[in-house]
Amino acid sequence: MPHFVRTFFFLFAIALAAAPAGAQQKLDIIQIMGQFVQANHAASKCIKPDRETLSRFLMNFRIVTLRASEEMRKRNPSMSEQQVAEKFKSASDAVGKQIDGVLGTNGCSDPRIQDLLKRFEIQANLKL
């Protein structure tokens, strides 16, 4: 697993420390949201998707974000919506910095970035 992907999941794991132990062994909606964050950041730096593709991606991203927020509140009932949003923003910002580091060193042609760009296309075409 690429370093920045591991870092992303580490940061999200910290943000989600109260999650049940079993929930972190399988891909869940919060990890899926993390994958959307990664793909979105890479795409925003490396490609100019057509309006339709971008619209589909953003619609799916909104759905995943809503479900991830619901799950986070379920795992942490004492957290407000604002606190959940702040945790997600903090983790997303850290991931963006990691991706920017890869881009600064190797550019958009880096295989890890290319994987994220492929993921962006796949996520745009999901029927959620």
N, C-alpha and C. Protein backbone atom coordinates (compact mmCIF):
# COMPACT_ATOMS: atom_id res chain seq x y z
N MET A 1 0.85 -1.17 0.00
CA MET A 1 0.00 0.00 0.00
C MET A 1 0.90 1.23 0.00
N PRO A 2 0.65 2.22 -0.88
CA PRO A 2 1.49 3.42 -0.92
C PRO A 2 1.51 4.14 0.43
N HIS A 3 2.62 4.81 0.70
CA HIS A 3 2.80 5.48 1.98
C HIS A 3 1.69 6.48 2.27
N PHE A 4 1.33 7.31 1.29
CA PHE A 4 0.33 8.32 1.57
C PHE A 4 -1.04 7.71 1.79
N VAL A 5 -1.30 6.55 1.20
CA VAL A 5 -2.57 5.86 1.45
C VAL A 5 -2.57 5.32 2.88
N ARG A 6 -1.45 4.73 3.30
CA ARG A 6 -1.35 4.26 4.68
C ARG A 6 -1.51 5.43 5.65
N THR A 7 -0.87 6.55 5.32
CA THR A 7 -0.98 7.73 6.17
C THR A 7 -2.43 8.19 6.26
N PHE A 8 -3.12 8.18 5.13
CA PHE A 8 -4.52 8.59 5.13
C PHE A 8 -5.33 7.72 6.08
N PHE A 9 -5.19 6.41 5.92
CA PHE A 9 -5.96 5.51 6.77
C PHE A 9 -5.55 5.65 8.23
N PHE A 10 -4.28 5.91 8.48
CA PHE A 10 -3.83 6.14 9.85
C PHE A 10 -4.52 7.37 10.43
N LEU A 11 -4.55 8.44 9.66
CA LEU A 11 -5.19 9.67 10.15
C LEU A 11 -6.68 9.47 10.38
N PHE A 12 -7.33 8.77 9.46
CA PHE A 12 -8.75 8.50 9.65
C PHE A 12 -8.96 7.58 10.85
N ALA A 13 -8.03 6.66 11.08
CA ALA A 13 -8.15 5.77 12.24
C ALA A 13 -8.06 6.57 13.53
N ILE A 14 -7.18 7.55 13.56
CA ILE A 14 -7.07 8.41 14.74
C ILE A 14 -8.37 9.17 14.93
N ALA A 15 -8.90 9.69 13.85
CA ALA A 15 -10.15 10.45 13.93
C ALA A 15 -11.31 9.58 14.39
N LEU A 16 -11.18 8.30 14.16
CA LEU A 16 -12.27 7.37 14.46
C LEU A 16 -11.92 6.42 15.60
N ALA A 17 -11.12 6.88 16.52
CA ALA A 17 -10.61 6.00 17.58
C ALA A 17 -11.71 5.30 18.36
N ALA A 18 -12.87 5.86 18.40
CA ALA A 18 -13.96 5.25 19.17
C ALA A 18 -14.71 4.18 18.39
N ALA A 19 -14.30 3.92 17.17
CA ALA A 19 -14.99 2.92 16.35
C ALA A 19 -14.78 1.53 16.95
N PRO A 20 -15.78 0.66 16.80
CA PRO A 20 -15.62 -0.71 17.28
C PRO A 20 -14.44 -1.40 16.60
N ALA A 21 -13.77 -2.29 17.30
CA ALA A 21 -12.58 -2.95 16.77
C ALA A 21 -12.87 -3.70 15.48
N GLY A 22 -13.97 -4.40 15.39
CA GLY A 22 -14.29 -5.17 14.20
C GLY A 22 -14.55 -4.31 12.98
N ALA A 23 -14.97 -3.09 13.19
CA ALA A 23 -15.31 -2.22 12.06
C ALA A 23 -14.09 -1.81 11.26
N GLN A 24 -12.91 -1.88 11.86
CA GLN A 24 -11.72 -1.42 11.16
C GLN A 24 -11.05 -2.53 10.36
N GLN A 25 -11.56 -3.75 10.44
CA GLN A 25 -10.96 -4.86 9.71
C GLN A 25 -11.53 -5.00 8.31
N LYS A 26 -12.64 -4.38 8.03
CA LYS A 26 -13.22 -4.46 6.70
C LYS A 26 -13.45 -3.04 6.20
N LEU A 27 -13.54 -2.92 4.91
CA LEU A 27 -13.77 -1.61 4.31
C LEU A 27 -15.15 -1.13 4.70
N ASP A 28 -15.23 0.03 5.30
CA ASP A 28 -16.53 0.57 5.68
C ASP A 28 -16.75 1.92 5.00
N ILE A 29 -17.89 2.51 5.27
CA ILE A 29 -18.27 3.73 4.57
C ILE A 29 -17.30 4.87 4.85
N ILE A 30 -16.69 4.90 6.01
CA ILE A 30 -15.75 5.98 6.31
C ILE A 30 -14.46 5.79 5.51
N GLN A 31 -14.03 4.55 5.35
CA GLN A 31 -12.87 4.30 4.49
C GLN A 31 -13.20 4.60 3.03
N ILE A 32 -14.40 4.27 2.63
CA ILE A 32 -14.82 4.59 1.26
C ILE A 32 -14.79 6.10 1.05
N MET A 33 -15.27 6.84 2.04
CA MET A 33 -15.19 8.30 1.95
C MET A 33 -13.74 8.74 1.80
N GLY A 34 -12.83 8.11 2.55
CA GLY A 34 -11.41 8.44 2.43
C GLY A 34 -10.90 8.22 1.03
N GLN A 35 -11.36 7.16 0.39
CA GLN A 35 -10.95 6.90 -0.99
C GLN A 35 -11.48 7.98 -1.94
N PHE A 36 -12.69 8.45 -1.68
CA PHE A 36 -13.24 9.54 -2.48
C PHE A 36 -12.41 10.81 -2.28
N VAL A 37 -12.02 11.08 -1.04
CA VAL A 37 -11.20 12.26 -0.74
C VAL A 37 -9.89 12.19 -1.51
N GLN A 38 -9.23 11.04 -1.49
CA GLN A 38 -7.96 10.87 -2.19
C GLN A 38 -8.14 11.11 -3.69
N ALA A 39 -9.13 10.44 -4.27
CA ALA A 39 -9.34 10.56 -5.71
C ALA A 39 -9.71 11.98 -6.10
N ASN A 40 -10.53 12.62 -5.30
CA ASN A 40 -10.94 13.99 -5.58
C ASN A 40 -9.74 14.93 -5.57
N HIS A 41 -8.88 14.77 -4.58
CA HIS A 41 -7.72 15.66 -4.48
C HIS A 41 -6.78 15.47 -5.67
N ALA A 42 -6.50 14.22 -5.99
CA ALA A 42 -5.61 13.96 -7.13
C ALA A 42 -6.21 14.49 -8.43
N ALA A 43 -7.50 14.25 -8.62
CA ALA A 43 -8.16 14.72 -9.84
C ALA A 43 -8.16 16.24 -9.92
N SER A 44 -8.35 16.90 -8.79
CA SER A 44 -8.38 18.37 -8.80
C SER A 44 -7.03 18.96 -9.20
N LYS A 45 -5.96 18.19 -9.02
CA LYS A 45 -4.62 18.67 -9.36
C LYS A 45 -4.15 18.23 -10.74
N CYS A 46 -4.72 17.13 -11.25
CA CYS A 46 -4.12 16.52 -12.44
C CYS A 46 -5.01 16.44 -13.68
N ILE A 47 -6.30 16.53 -13.53
CA ILE A 47 -7.17 16.40 -14.70
C ILE A 47 -8.26 17.46 -14.68
N LYS A 48 -8.86 17.65 -15.83
CA LYS A 48 -10.02 18.52 -15.97
C LYS A 48 -11.15 17.66 -16.50
N PRO A 49 -11.90 16.99 -15.59
CA PRO A 49 -12.97 16.13 -16.08
C PRO A 49 -14.07 16.95 -16.75
N ASP A 50 -14.77 16.31 -17.68
CA ASP A 50 -15.88 17.02 -18.31
C ASP A 50 -16.96 17.26 -17.25
N ARG A 51 -17.84 18.17 -17.56
CA ARG A 51 -18.87 18.60 -16.61
C ARG A 51 -19.72 17.43 -16.11
N GLU A 52 -20.09 16.54 -17.02
CA GLU A 52 -20.95 15.41 -16.65
C GLU A 52 -20.23 14.45 -15.69
N THR A 53 -18.98 14.14 -15.98
CA THR A 53 -18.21 13.24 -15.11
C THR A 53 -18.04 13.87 -13.73
N LEU A 54 -17.68 15.14 -13.70
CA LEU A 54 -17.50 15.83 -12.43
C LEU A 54 -18.81 15.86 -11.64
N SER A 55 -19.90 16.12 -12.31
CA SER A 55 -21.20 16.16 -11.65
C SER A 55 -21.56 14.81 -11.04
N ARG A 56 -21.32 13.74 -11.78
CA ARG A 56 -21.61 12.39 -11.26
C ARG A 56 -20.72 12.08 -10.06
N PHE A 57 -19.43 12.42 -10.18
CA PHE A 57 -18.52 12.16 -9.06
C PHE A 57 -18.98 12.92 -7.82
N LEU A 58 -19.28 14.20 -7.97
CA LEU A 58 -19.67 15.01 -6.82
C LEU A 58 -20.97 14.52 -6.19
N MET A 59 -21.91 14.06 -7.02
CA MET A 59 -23.15 13.51 -6.49
C MET A 59 -22.86 12.27 -5.64
N ASN A 60 -22.01 11.38 -6.16
CA ASN A 60 -21.65 10.18 -5.41
C ASN A 60 -20.86 10.53 -4.15
N PHE A 61 -19.98 11.51 -4.25
CA PHE A 61 -19.19 11.95 -3.10
C PHE A 61 -20.11 12.49 -2.00
N ARG A 62 -21.13 13.26 -2.39
CA ARG A 62 -22.09 13.78 -1.40
C ARG A 62 -22.82 12.64 -0.68
N ILE A 63 -23.24 11.64 -1.44
CA ILE A 63 -23.95 10.50 -0.85
C ILE A 63 -23.04 9.77 0.13
N VAL A 64 -21.80 9.50 -0.28
CA VAL A 64 -20.85 8.80 0.58
C VAL A 64 -20.54 9.63 1.82
N THR A 65 -20.37 10.93 1.66
CA THR A 65 -20.08 11.81 2.79
C THR A 65 -21.23 11.82 3.78
N LEU A 66 -22.44 11.89 3.28
CA LEU A 66 -23.62 11.85 4.16
C LEU A 66 -23.66 10.55 4.95
N ARG A 67 -23.47 9.43 4.27
CA ARG A 67 -23.50 8.13 4.95
C ARG A 67 -22.34 7.99 5.95
N ALA A 68 -21.17 8.49 5.58
CA ALA A 68 -20.02 8.44 6.49
C ALA A 68 -20.27 9.29 7.73
N SER A 69 -20.87 10.45 7.54
CA SER A 69 -21.20 11.31 8.68
C SER A 69 -22.20 10.64 9.60
N GLU A 70 -23.20 9.99 9.01
CA GLU A 70 -24.19 9.25 9.81
C GLU A 70 -23.51 8.15 10.61
N GLU A 71 -22.60 7.42 9.96
CA GLU A 71 -21.90 6.33 10.64
C GLU A 71 -21.01 6.87 11.76
N MET A 72 -20.34 7.97 11.51
CA MET A 72 -19.47 8.56 12.53
C MET A 72 -20.30 8.97 13.75
N ARG A 73 -21.46 9.57 13.51
CA ARG A 73 -22.33 9.97 14.63
C ARG A 73 -22.85 8.74 15.37
N LYS A 74 -23.10 7.67 14.63
CA LYS A 74 -23.57 6.43 15.26
C LYS A 74 -22.47 5.86 16.16
N ARG A 75 -21.24 5.90 15.70
CA ARG A 75 -20.11 5.38 16.49
C ARG A 75 -19.75 6.29 17.66
N ASN A 76 -20.02 7.57 17.48
CA ASN A 76 -19.66 8.58 18.49
C ASN A 76 -20.87 9.46 18.75
N PRO A 77 -21.87 8.97 19.47
CA PRO A 77 -23.12 9.72 19.64
C PRO A 77 -22.95 11.08 20.32
N SER A 78 -21.89 11.25 21.07
CA SER A 78 -21.70 12.52 21.77
C SER A 78 -21.14 13.61 20.84
N MET A 79 -20.72 13.24 19.65
CA MET A 79 -20.15 14.22 18.71
C MET A 79 -21.27 14.97 17.99
N SER A 80 -21.09 16.27 17.86
CA SER A 80 -22.03 17.07 17.08
C SER A 80 -21.71 16.93 15.60
N GLU A 81 -22.64 17.34 14.77
CA GLU A 81 -22.38 17.33 13.32
C GLU A 81 -21.16 18.18 12.99
N GLN A 82 -21.01 19.29 13.69
CA GLN A 82 -19.87 20.18 13.47
C GLN A 82 -18.56 19.48 13.83
N GLN A 83 -18.54 18.74 14.92
CA GLN A 83 -17.33 18.02 15.32
C GLN A 83 -16.98 16.94 14.31
N VAL A 84 -17.98 16.25 13.80
CA VAL A 84 -17.74 15.23 12.77
C VAL A 84 -17.14 15.90 11.54
N ALA A 85 -17.74 17.00 11.12
CA ALA A 85 -17.25 17.72 9.94
C ALA A 85 -15.81 18.18 10.15
N GLU A 86 -15.50 18.66 11.33
CA GLU A 86 -14.13 19.12 11.63
C GLU A 86 -13.14 17.96 11.59
N LYS A 87 -13.51 16.80 12.12
CA LYS A 87 -12.62 15.63 12.07
C LYS A 87 -12.36 15.21 10.63
N PHE A 88 -13.42 15.15 9.83
CA PHE A 88 -13.26 14.79 8.43
C PHE A 88 -12.40 15.81 7.69
N LYS A 89 -12.62 17.09 7.98
CA LYS A 89 -11.84 18.14 7.31
C LYS A 89 -10.37 18.03 7.68
N SER A 90 -10.09 17.82 8.94
CA SER A 90 -8.70 17.70 9.39
C SER A 90 -8.00 16.52 8.71
N ALA A 91 -8.66 15.37 8.68
CA ALA A 91 -8.08 14.19 8.04
C ALA A 91 -7.92 14.43 6.54
N SER A 92 -8.91 15.06 5.91
CA SER A 92 -8.84 15.33 4.48
C SER A 92 -7.70 16.29 4.14
N ASP A 93 -7.52 17.31 4.97
CA ASP A 93 -6.43 18.26 4.75
C ASP A 93 -5.07 17.56 4.84
N ALA A 94 -4.93 16.67 5.81
CA ALA A 94 -3.66 15.94 5.97
C ALA A 94 -3.40 15.05 4.76
N VAL A 95 -4.43 14.40 4.27
CA VAL A 95 -4.29 13.55 3.08
C VAL A 95 -3.90 14.40 1.88
N GLY A 96 -4.53 15.56 1.74
CA GLY A 96 -4.20 16.46 0.64
C GLY A 96 -2.73 16.84 0.66
N LYS A 97 -2.19 17.09 1.83
CA LYS A 97 -0.77 17.43 1.95
C LYS A 97 0.11 16.27 1.52
N GLN A 98 -0.28 15.05 1.90
CA GLN A 98 0.48 13.87 1.49
C GLN A 98 0.47 13.71 -0.03
N ILE A 99 -0.70 13.87 -0.62
CA ILE A 99 -0.81 13.75 -2.08
C ILE A 99 -0.02 14.86 -2.75
N ASP A 100 -0.10 16.07 -2.21
CA ASP A 100 0.67 17.18 -2.77
C ASP A 100 2.16 16.89 -2.72
N GLY A 101 2.61 16.22 -1.67
CA GLY A 101 4.02 15.84 -1.58
C GLY A 101 4.43 14.90 -2.69
N VAL A 102 3.58 13.92 -2.97
CA VAL A 102 3.86 12.98 -4.07
C VAL A 102 3.86 13.74 -5.39
N LEU A 103 2.89 14.62 -5.57
CA LEU A 103 2.81 15.41 -6.81
C LEU A 103 4.03 16.30 -6.97
N GLY A 104 4.48 16.89 -5.87
CA GLY A 104 5.65 17.76 -5.93
C GLY A 104 6.91 17.02 -6.31
N THR A 105 7.00 15.78 -5.93
CA THR A 105 8.18 14.97 -6.22
C THR A 105 8.10 14.31 -7.59
N ASN A 106 6.98 13.70 -7.89
CA ASN A 106 6.88 12.87 -9.09
C ASN A 106 5.85 13.34 -10.11
N GLY A 107 5.03 14.30 -9.75
CA GLY A 107 4.03 14.81 -10.69
C GLY A 107 2.86 13.86 -10.87
N CYS A 108 2.00 14.24 -11.79
CA CYS A 108 0.77 13.48 -12.04
C CYS A 108 1.02 12.12 -12.67
N SER A 109 2.20 11.90 -13.20
CA SER A 109 2.49 10.61 -13.84
C SER A 109 2.88 9.53 -12.83
N ASP A 110 3.04 9.90 -11.56
CA ASP A 110 3.36 8.91 -10.53
C ASP A 110 2.29 7.80 -10.57
N PRO A 111 2.70 6.54 -10.52
CA PRO A 111 1.73 5.43 -10.58
C PRO A 111 0.65 5.50 -9.50
N ARG A 112 1.01 5.99 -8.32
CA ARG A 112 0.02 6.10 -7.24
C ARG A 112 -1.04 7.14 -7.59
N ILE A 113 -0.60 8.22 -8.21
CA ILE A 113 -1.55 9.26 -8.62
C ILE A 113 -2.41 8.74 -9.76
N GLN A 114 -1.80 8.03 -10.69
CA GLN A 114 -2.56 7.45 -11.80
C GLN A 114 -3.63 6.50 -11.28
N ASP A 115 -3.31 5.73 -10.25
CA ASP A 115 -4.31 4.85 -9.63
C ASP A 115 -5.47 5.66 -9.06
N LEU A 116 -5.15 6.78 -8.42
CA LEU A 116 -6.21 7.62 -7.87
C LEU A 116 -7.07 8.23 -8.97
N LEU A 117 -6.46 8.58 -10.09
CA LEU A 117 -7.23 9.14 -11.21
C LEU A 117 -8.15 8.10 -11.82
N LYS A 118 -7.69 6.86 -11.87
CA LYS A 118 -8.56 5.77 -12.33
C LYS A 118 -9.72 5.58 -11.36
N ARG A 119 -9.39 5.65 -10.08
CA ARG A 119 -10.43 5.52 -9.06
C ARG A 119 -11.47 6.62 -9.20
N PHE A 120 -11.01 7.84 -9.51
CA PHE A 120 -11.94 8.96 -9.71
C PHE A 120 -12.96 8.61 -10.79
N GLU A 121 -12.49 8.08 -11.91
CA GLU A 121 -13.39 7.71 -13.01
C GLU A 121 -14.37 6.61 -12.57
N ILE A 122 -13.86 5.63 -11.85
CA ILE A 122 -14.73 4.55 -11.37
C ILE A 122 -15.78 5.11 -10.42
N GLN A 123 -15.35 5.95 -9.50
CA GLN A 123 -16.28 6.52 -8.52
C GLN A 123 -17.32 7.42 -9.19
N ALA A 124 -16.93 8.09 -10.25
CA ALA A 124 -17.88 8.94 -10.98
C ALA A 124 -18.96 8.10 -11.63
N ASN A 125 -18.63 6.87 -11.98
CA ASN A 125 -19.57 6.01 -12.70
C ASN A 125 -20.34 5.05 -11.81
N LEU A 126 -20.15 5.15 -10.50
CA LEU A 126 -20.92 4.31 -9.58
C LEU A 126 -22.38 4.72 -9.61
N LYS A 127 -23.24 3.76 -9.45
CA LYS A 127 -24.68 4.02 -9.38
C LYS A 127 -25.10 3.87 -7.92
N LEU A 128 -24.94 4.93 -7.15
CA LEU A 128 -25.28 4.88 -5.72
C LEU A 128 -26.72 5.30 -5.49
